[in-house]
PDB file of N, CA and C in Angstrom:
ATOM      1  N   MET A   1     -19.350  -7.424  11.137  1.00  0.00           N
ATOM      2  CA  MET A   1     -20.235  -7.813  10.646  1.00  0.00           C
ATOM      3  C   MET A   1     -18.946  -8.315   9.666  1.00  0.00           C
ATOM      4  N   TYR A   2     -20.022  -8.752   8.887  1.00  0.00           N
ATOM      5  CA  TYR A   2     -18.873  -9.151   7.536  1.00  0.00           C
ATOM      6  C   TYR A   2     -19.682  -9.548   6.490  1.00  0.00           C
ATOM      7  N   GLY A   3     -18.628  -9.263   4.519  1.00  0.00           N
ATOM      8  CA  GLY A   3     -19.108  -9.414   3.608  1.00  0.00           C
ATOM      9  C   GLY A   3     -20.705  -8.357   3.416  1.00  0.00           C
ATOM     10  N   GLU A   4     -21.706  -8.857   3.107  1.00  0.00           N
ATOM     11  CA  GLU A   4     -22.562  -8.303   3.173  1.00  0.00           C
ATOM     12  C   GLU A   4     -23.616  -7.348   3.785  1.00  0.00           C
ATOM     13  N   ALA A   5     -23.405  -7.897   4.950  1.00  0.00           N
ATOM     14  CA  ALA A   5     -24.202  -6.776   6.149  1.00  0.00           C
ATOM     15  C   ALA A   5     -23.413  -5.261   5.829  1.00  0.00           C
ATOM     16  N   LYS A   6     -21.386  -5.541   6.207  1.00  0.00           N
ATOM     17  CA  LYS A   6     -20.679  -4.277   6.775  1.00  0.00           C
ATOM     18  C   LYS A   6     -21.372  -3.628   4.933  1.00  0.00           C
ATOM     19  N   LYS A   7     -21.414  -4.471   3.435  1.00  0.00           N
ATOM     20  CA  LYS A   7     -21.802  -3.555   3.423  1.00  0.00           C
ATOM     21  C   LYS A   7     -23.015  -2.480   3.160  1.00  0.00           C
ATOM     22  N   LEU A   8     -23.444  -3.637   3.229  1.00  0.00           N
ATOM     23  CA  LEU A   8     -24.851  -2.462   3.805  1.00  0.00           C
ATOM     24  C   LEU A   8     -24.844  -2.356   4.858  1.00  0.00           C
ATOM     25  N   HIS A   9     -24.441  -1.449   6.050  1.00  0.00           N
ATOM     26  CA  HIS A   9     -24.059  -0.850   7.193  1.00  0.00           C
ATOM     27  C   HIS A   9     -23.126   0.209   6.088  1.00  0.00           C
ATOM     28  N   LEU A  10     -22.272   0.175   5.673  1.00  0.00           N
ATOM     29  CA  LEU A  10     -21.709   1.663   5.141  1.00  0.00           C
ATOM     30  C   LEU A  10     -22.455   2.117   3.737  1.00  0.00           C
ATOM     31  N   ILE A  11     -23.229   1.740   3.063  1.00  0.00           N
ATOM     32  CA  ILE A  11     -24.671   2.366   2.177  1.00  0.00           C
ATOM     33  C   ILE A  11     -25.043   3.448   3.462  1.00  0.00           C
ATOM     34  N   GLU A  12     -25.993   2.442   4.320  1.00  0.00           N
ATOM     35  CA  GLU A  12     -26.500   3.452   5.428  1.00  0.00           C
ATOM     36  C   GLU A  12     -26.322   4.581   5.811  1.00  0.00           C
ATOM     37  N   GLU A  13     -24.661   4.085   6.477  1.00  0.00           N
ATOM     38  CA  GLU A  13     -23.894   5.820   7.165  1.00  0.00           C
ATOM     39  C   GLU A  13     -23.350   6.550   5.689  1.00  0.00           C
ATOM     40  N   ILE A  14     -23.129   6.201   4.684  1.00  0.00           N
ATOM     41  CA  ILE A  14     -23.786   6.503   3.006  1.00  0.00           C
ATOM     42  C   ILE A  14     -24.425   7.965   2.817  1.00  0.00           C
ATOM     43  N   LEU A  15     -25.846   6.923   3.528  1.00  0.00           N
ATOM     44  CA  LEU A  15     -27.182   7.493   2.366  1.00  0.00           C
ATOM     45  C   LEU A  15     -26.757   8.376   3.634  1.00  0.00           C
ATOM     46  N   LYS A  16     -26.004   8.107   4.972  1.00  0.00           N
ATOM     47  CA  LYS A  16     -27.163   9.546   5.394  1.00  0.00           C
ATOM     48  C   LYS A  16     -26.343  10.880   5.837  1.00  0.00           C
ATOM     49  N   VAL A  17     -25.313  11.020   5.355  1.00  0.00           N
ATOM     50  CA  VAL A  17     -24.166  12.467   4.832  1.00  0.00           C
ATOM     51  C   VAL A  17     -24.947  13.098   3.903  1.00  0.00           C
ATOM     52  N   GLU A  18     -24.907  14.890   4.181  1.00  0.00           N
ATOM     53  CA  GLU A  18     -25.067  15.157   3.265  1.00  0.00           C
ATOM     54  C   GLU A  18     -23.967  16.472   3.502  1.00  0.00           C
ATOM     55  N   ASN A  19     -22.469  16.214   3.496  1.00  0.00           N
ATOM     56  CA  ASN A  19     -21.903  16.944   3.024  1.00  0.00           C
ATOM     57  C   ASN A  19     -21.325  17.023   2.003  1.00  0.00           C
ATOM     58  N   ASP A  20     -20.996  17.733   1.547  1.00  0.00           N
ATOM     59  CA  ASP A  20     -20.257  17.264   0.108  1.00  0.00           C
ATOM     60  C   ASP A  20     -19.181  16.318  -0.278  1.00  0.00           C
ATOM     61  N   GLU A  21     -18.172  16.909   0.338  1.00  0.00           N
ATOM     62  CA  GLU A  21     -16.977  17.298   0.549  1.00  0.00           C
ATOM     63  C   GLU A  21     -16.502  15.728   0.995  1.00  0.00           C
ATOM     64  N   ILE A  22     -17.462  15.679   1.588  1.00  0.00           N
ATOM     65  CA  ILE A  22     -17.640  14.149   2.822  1.00  0.00           C
ATOM     66  C   ILE A  22     -17.354  12.241   1.322  1.00  0.00           C
ATOM     67  N   LEU A  23     -18.695  13.640   0.319  1.00  0.00           N
ATOM     68  CA  LEU A  23     -18.889  11.873  -0.300  1.00  0.00           C
ATOM     69  C   LEU A  23     -18.442  13.119  -1.559  1.00  0.00           C
ATOM     70  N   SER A  24     -17.437  13.777  -1.442  1.00  0.00           N
ATOM     71  CA  SER A  24     -15.894  13.470  -2.944  1.00  0.00           C
ATOM     72  C   SER A  24     -15.187  12.698  -2.380  1.00  0.00           C
ATOM     73  N   GLU A  25     -14.797  12.668  -0.720  1.00  0.00           N
ATOM     74  CA  GLU A  25     -13.478  11.683  -0.946  1.00  0.00           C
ATOM     75  C   GLU A  25     -13.580  10.225   0.075  1.00  0.00           C
ATOM     76  N   VAL A  26     -15.431  10.112  -0.244  1.00  0.00           N
ATOM     77  CA  VAL A  26     -15.741   8.542  -0.133  1.00  0.00           C
ATOM     78  C   VAL A  26     -15.775   7.970  -2.078  1.00  0.00           C
ATOM     79  N   GLU A  27     -15.863   9.297  -2.744  1.00  0.00           N
ATOM     80  CA  GLU A  27     -15.910   8.501  -3.925  1.00  0.00           C
ATOM     81  C   GLU A  27     -14.679   8.567  -4.911  1.00  0.00           C
ATOM     82  N   THR A  28     -13.776   9.532  -3.690  1.00  0.00           N
ATOM     83  CA  THR A  28     -11.987   9.572  -4.816  1.00  0.00           C
ATOM     84  C   THR A  28     -11.505   8.348  -4.284  1.00  0.00           C
ATOM     85  N   LEU A  29     -11.736   7.807  -2.618  1.00  0.00           N
ATOM     86  CA  LEU A  29     -11.626   6.209  -1.688  1.00  0.00           C
ATOM     87  C   LEU A  29     -11.980   5.200  -3.268  1.00  0.00           C
ATOM     88  N   LEU A  30     -12.926   5.322  -2.826  1.00  0.00           N
ATOM     89  CA  LEU A  30     -13.826   4.547  -3.985  1.00  0.00           C
ATOM     90  C   LEU A  30     -12.753   4.292  -5.525  1.00  0.00           C
ATOM     91  N   ALA A  31     -12.881   4.817  -5.597  1.00  0.00           N
ATOM     92  CA  ALA A  31     -11.459   5.219  -7.055  1.00  0.00           C
ATOM     93  C   ALA A  31     -10.300   4.922  -7.409  1.00  0.00           C
ATOM     94  N   ASN A  32      -9.539   5.230  -6.365  1.00  0.00           N
ATOM     95  CA  ASN A  32      -8.414   4.726  -5.615  1.00  0.00           C
ATOM     96  C   ASN A  32      -8.195   3.150  -5.811  1.00  0.00           C
ATOM     97  N   SER A  33      -9.416   2.823  -4.774  1.00  0.00           N
ATOM     98  CA  SER A  33      -9.269   1.746  -4.994  1.00  0.00           C
ATOM     99  C   SER A  33      -9.856   0.846  -5.899  1.00  0.00           C
ATOM    100  N   LYS A  34      -9.828   1.013  -6.941  1.00  0.00           N
ATOM    101  CA  LYS A  34      -9.820   0.002  -8.797  1.00  0.00           C
ATOM    102  C   LYS A  34      -9.222  -0.282  -9.062  1.00  0.00           C
ATOM    103  N   LEU A  35      -7.915   1.228  -8.313  1.00  0.00           N
ATOM    104  CA  LEU A  35      -6.742   1.218  -9.222  1.00  0.00           C
ATOM    105  C   LEU A  35      -5.873  -0.389  -8.781  1.00  0.00           C
ATOM    106  N   ARG A  36      -6.062  -0.008  -7.386  1.00  0.00           N
ATOM    107  CA  ARG A  36      -4.487  -1.017  -6.698  1.00  0.00           C
ATOM    108  C   ARG A  36      -5.281  -2.401  -6.222  1.00  0.00           C
ATOM    109  N   ALA A  37      -4.660  -2.865  -6.968  1.00  0.00           N
ATOM    110  CA  ALA A  37      -4.289  -4.751  -6.654  1.00  0.00           C
ATOM    111  C   ALA A  37      -5.027  -6.127  -5.647  1.00  0.00           C
ATOM    112  N   ILE A  38      -5.891  -6.146  -4.666  1.00  0.00           N
ATOM    113  CA  ILE A  38      -4.712  -6.454  -3.527  1.00  0.00           C
ATOM    114  C   ILE A  38      -5.421  -8.099  -3.933  1.00  0.00           C
ATOM    115  N   GLY A  39      -3.819  -8.792  -3.232  1.00  0.00           N
ATOM    116  CA  GLY A  39      -4.342 -10.200  -3.215  1.00  0.00           C
ATOM    117  C   GLY A  39      -3.158  -9.782  -2.810  1.00  0.00           C
ATOM    118  N   ARG A  40      -2.265 -11.735  -2.835  1.00  0.00           N
ATOM    119  CA  ARG A  40      -0.972 -12.383  -3.250  1.00  0.00           C
ATOM    120  C   ARG A  40       0.178 -11.363  -4.912  1.00  0.00           C
ATOM    121  N   LYS A  41       0.171 -11.324  -4.912  1.00  0.00           N
ATOM    122  CA  LYS A  41       1.407 -11.296  -6.145  1.00  0.00           C
ATOM    123  C   LYS A  41       2.548 -12.381  -6.244  1.00  0.00           C
ATOM    124  N   ASP A  42       2.384 -12.539  -7.401  1.00  0.00           N
ATOM    125  CA  ASP A  42       4.085 -13.965  -8.089  1.00  0.00           C
ATOM    126  C   ASP A  42       5.140 -12.613  -7.168  1.00  0.00           C
ATOM    127  N   PHE A  43       5.954 -13.605  -6.748  1.00  0.00           N
ATOM    128  CA  PHE A  43       7.336 -13.001  -6.946  1.00  0.00           C
ATOM    129  C   PHE A  43       8.162 -12.075  -8.501  1.00  0.00           C
ATOM    130  N   ASN A  44       7.420 -13.165  -9.183  1.00  0.00           N
ATOM    131  CA  ASN A  44       7.959 -13.213 -10.559  1.00  0.00           C
ATOM    132  C   ASN A  44       7.241 -11.270 -11.233  1.00  0.00           C
ATOM    133  N   ASP A  45       5.981 -11.060 -10.608  1.00  0.00           N
ATOM    134  CA  ASP A  45       5.189  -9.753 -11.427  1.00  0.00           C
ATOM    135  C   ASP A  45       6.515  -8.402 -11.078  1.00  0.00           C
ATOM    136  N   PHE A  46       8.043  -8.514 -10.242  1.00  0.00           N
ATOM    137  CA  PHE A  46       7.956  -7.130  -9.573  1.00  0.00           C
ATOM    138  C   PHE A  46       9.412  -7.680 -10.229  1.00  0.00           C
ATOM    139  N   SER A  47       9.683  -8.903 -11.421  1.00  0.00           N
ATOM    140  CA  SER A  47      10.933  -9.387 -12.258  1.00  0.00           C
ATOM    141  C   SER A  47      11.205  -8.619 -12.785  1.00  0.00           C
ATOM    142  N   GLY A  48      11.972  -7.270 -13.321  1.00  0.00           N
ATOM    143  CA  GLY A  48      11.701  -6.545 -14.429  1.00  0.00           C
ATOM    144  C   GLY A  48      12.022  -5.079 -13.950  1.00  0.00           C
ATOM    145  N   LEU A  49      11.684  -4.562 -13.211  1.00  0.00           N
ATOM    146  CA  LEU A  49      11.427  -3.652 -12.319  1.00  0.00           C
ATOM    147  C   LEU A  49      12.796  -2.341 -11.891  1.00  0.00           C
ATOM    148  N   LEU A  50      13.320  -3.333 -12.262  1.00  0.00           N
ATOM    149  CA  LEU A  50      14.870  -1.963 -11.622  1.00  0.00           C
ATOM    150  C   LEU A  50      15.269  -2.564 -12.894  1.00  0.00           C
ATOM    151  N   THR A  51      16.397  -1.167 -13.398  1.00  0.00           N
ATOM    152  CA  THR A  51      17.322  -1.521 -14.543  1.00  0.00           C
ATOM    153  C   THR A  51      18.383  -1.953 -13.732  1.00  0.00           C
ATOM    154  N   ASN A  52      20.091  -2.890 -14.246  1.00  0.00           N
ATOM    155  CA  ASN A  52      20.678  -3.682 -13.495  1.00  0.00           C
ATOM    156  C   ASN A  52      21.388  -2.036 -13.046  1.00  0.00           C
ATOM    157  N   THR A  53      21.850  -1.489 -13.596  1.00  0.00           N
ATOM    158  CA  THR A  53      22.158  -0.279 -12.840  1.00  0.00           C
ATOM    159  C   THR A  53      21.304   0.341 -10.992  1.00  0.00           C
ATOM    160  N   GLU A  54      19.861   0.623 -11.361  1.00  0.00           N
ATOM    161  CA  GLU A  54      19.189   0.528  -9.523  1.00  0.00           C
ATOM    162  C   GLU A  54      19.947  -0.956  -8.763  1.00  0.00           C
ATOM    163  N   ALA A  55      19.630  -1.733  -9.550  1.00  0.00           N
ATOM    164  CA  ALA A  55      19.362  -3.415  -8.839  1.00  0.00           C
ATOM    165  C   ALA A  55      21.311  -3.441  -7.936  1.00  0.00           C
ATOM    166  N   ASP A  56      22.118  -2.908  -9.004  1.00  0.00           N
ATOM    167  CA  ASP A  56      22.874  -2.760  -8.519  1.00  0.00           C
ATOM    168  C   ASP A  56      22.770  -1.403  -7.196  1.00  0.00           C
ATOM    169  N   GLU A  57      22.842   0.035  -7.742  1.00  0.00           N
ATOM    170  CA  GLU A  57      22.911   0.400  -6.547  1.00  0.00           C
ATOM    171  C   GLU A  57      22.305   0.048  -5.148  1.00  0.00           C
ATOM    172  N   PHE A  58      20.815  -0.344  -5.982  1.00  0.00           N
ATOM    173  CA  PHE A  58      20.150  -1.403  -4.500  1.00  0.00           C
ATOM    174  C   PHE A  58      21.146  -2.055  -3.107  1.00  0.00           C
ATOM    175  N   GLU A  59      21.478  -3.361  -3.875  1.00  0.00           N
ATOM    176  CA  GLU A  59      22.600  -3.705  -3.701  1.00  0.00           C
ATOM    177  C   GLU A  59      24.075  -3.941  -2.830  1.00  0.00           C
ATOM    178  N   LYS A  60      24.300  -2.591  -3.174  1.00  0.00           N
ATOM    179  CA  LYS A  60      24.827  -1.309  -3.513  1.00  0.00           C
ATOM    180  C   LYS A  60      25.203  -0.813  -1.627  1.00  0.00           C
ATOM    181  N   ILE A  61      23.723  -0.208  -1.697  1.00  0.00           N
ATOM    182  CA  ILE A  61      22.556   0.129   0.153  1.00  0.00           C
ATOM    183  C   ILE A  61      22.532  -1.037   0.818  1.00  0.00           C
ATOM    184  N   ILE A  62      22.407  -1.922   0.745  1.00  0.00           N
ATOM    185  CA  ILE A  62      22.204  -3.147   1.341  1.00  0.00           C
ATOM    186  C   ILE A  62      23.256  -2.845   2.287  1.00  0.00           C
ATOM    187  N   LYS A  63      23.549  -3.158   1.113  1.00  0.00           N
ATOM    188  CA  LYS A  63      25.227  -3.429   2.038  1.00  0.00           C
ATOM    189  C   LYS A  63      26.294  -3.068   2.544  1.00  0.00           C
ATOM    190  N   GLU A  64      26.122  -1.490   2.126  1.00  0.00           N
ATOM    191  CA  GLU A  64      27.191  -0.920   3.498  1.00  0.00           C
ATOM    192  C   GLU A  64      25.880  -0.629   4.067  1.00  0.00           C
ATOM    193  N   GLY A  65      24.537  -1.193   4.648  1.00  0.00           N
ATOM    194  CA  GLY A  65      23.565  -0.323   6.008  1.00  0.00           C
ATOM    195  C   GLY A  65      23.214  -1.529   6.111  1.00  0.00           C
ATOM    196  N   CYS A  66      23.864  -2.655   5.685  1.00  0.00           N
ATOM    197  CA  CYS A  66      23.605  -4.066   7.606  1.00  0.00           C
ATOM    198  C   CYS A  66      24.859  -4.172   7.276  1.00  0.00           C
ATOM    199  N   GLU A  67      25.710  -4.885   6.626  1.00  0.00           N
ATOM    200  CA  GLU A  67      27.137  -5.640   7.341  1.00  0.00           C
ATOM    201  C   GLU A  67      27.661  -4.141   8.357  1.00  0.00           C
ATOM    202  N   THR A  68      26.987  -2.803   8.457  1.00  0.00           N
ATOM    203  CA  THR A  68      28.004  -2.133   9.186  1.00  0.00           C
ATOM    204  C   THR A  68      27.448  -2.739  10.348  1.00  0.00           C
ATOM    205  N   ILE A  69      28.510  -2.178  11.576  1.00  0.00           N
ATOM    206  CA  ILE A  69      28.156  -2.665  13.376  1.00  0.00           C
ATOM    207  C   ILE A  69      28.881  -1.134  13.475  1.00  0.00           C
ATOM    208  N   ASN A  70      27.797  -0.913  13.961  1.00  0.00           N
ATOM    209  CA  ASN A  70      28.268  -0.022  15.090  1.00  0.00           C
ATOM    210  C   ASN A  70      27.666  -0.192  16.680  1.00  0.00           C
ATOM    211  N   ILE A  71      29.164  -0.050  17.521  1.00  0.00           N
ATOM    212  CA  ILE A  71      29.141  -1.222  18.586  1.00  0.00           C
ATOM    213  C   ILE A  71      28.204  -0.068  19.524  1.00  0.00           C
ATOM    214  N   ASN A  72      28.023   1.689  19.514  1.00  0.00           N
ATOM    215  CA  ASN A  72      27.431   2.060  20.405  1.00  0.00           C
ATOM    216  C   ASN A  72      25.947   1.277  20.431  1.00  0.00           C
ATOM    217  N   ASP A  73      25.436   0.848  19.301  1.00  0.00           N
ATOM    218  CA  ASP A  73      24.065   0.564  19.172  1.00  0.00           C
ATOM    219  C   ASP A  73      22.922   0.115  20.013  1.00  0.00           C
ATOM    220  N   TRP A  74      24.649  -0.880  20.784  1.00  0.00           N
ATOM    221  CA  TRP A  74      23.866  -2.213  21.209  1.00  0.00           C
ATOM    222  C   TRP A  74      23.762  -1.322  22.991  1.00  0.00           C
ATOM    223  N   LYS A  75      23.502  -0.747  23.308  1.00  0.00           N
ATOM    224  CA  LYS A  75      23.797   0.052  24.559  1.00  0.00           C
ATOM    225  C   LYS A  75      22.648   0.787  25.052  1.00  0.00           C
TER     226      LYS A  75
END
């Protein structure tokens, strides 16, 4: 099922639900889905999210974790 058919199927299933807790969860799920943008992000959208200090710390953690070779890990 694609697009409109899938939506209609979901509506039919929701109409059958008699449990208020389940309906509340569906309502919450729909509300949360509106908060998140779905789709591709431009790399520039992430620019400025970290302070220079946070970026430096992040880079240090990556270097320490990725540039260390533990010979026993290959056994």
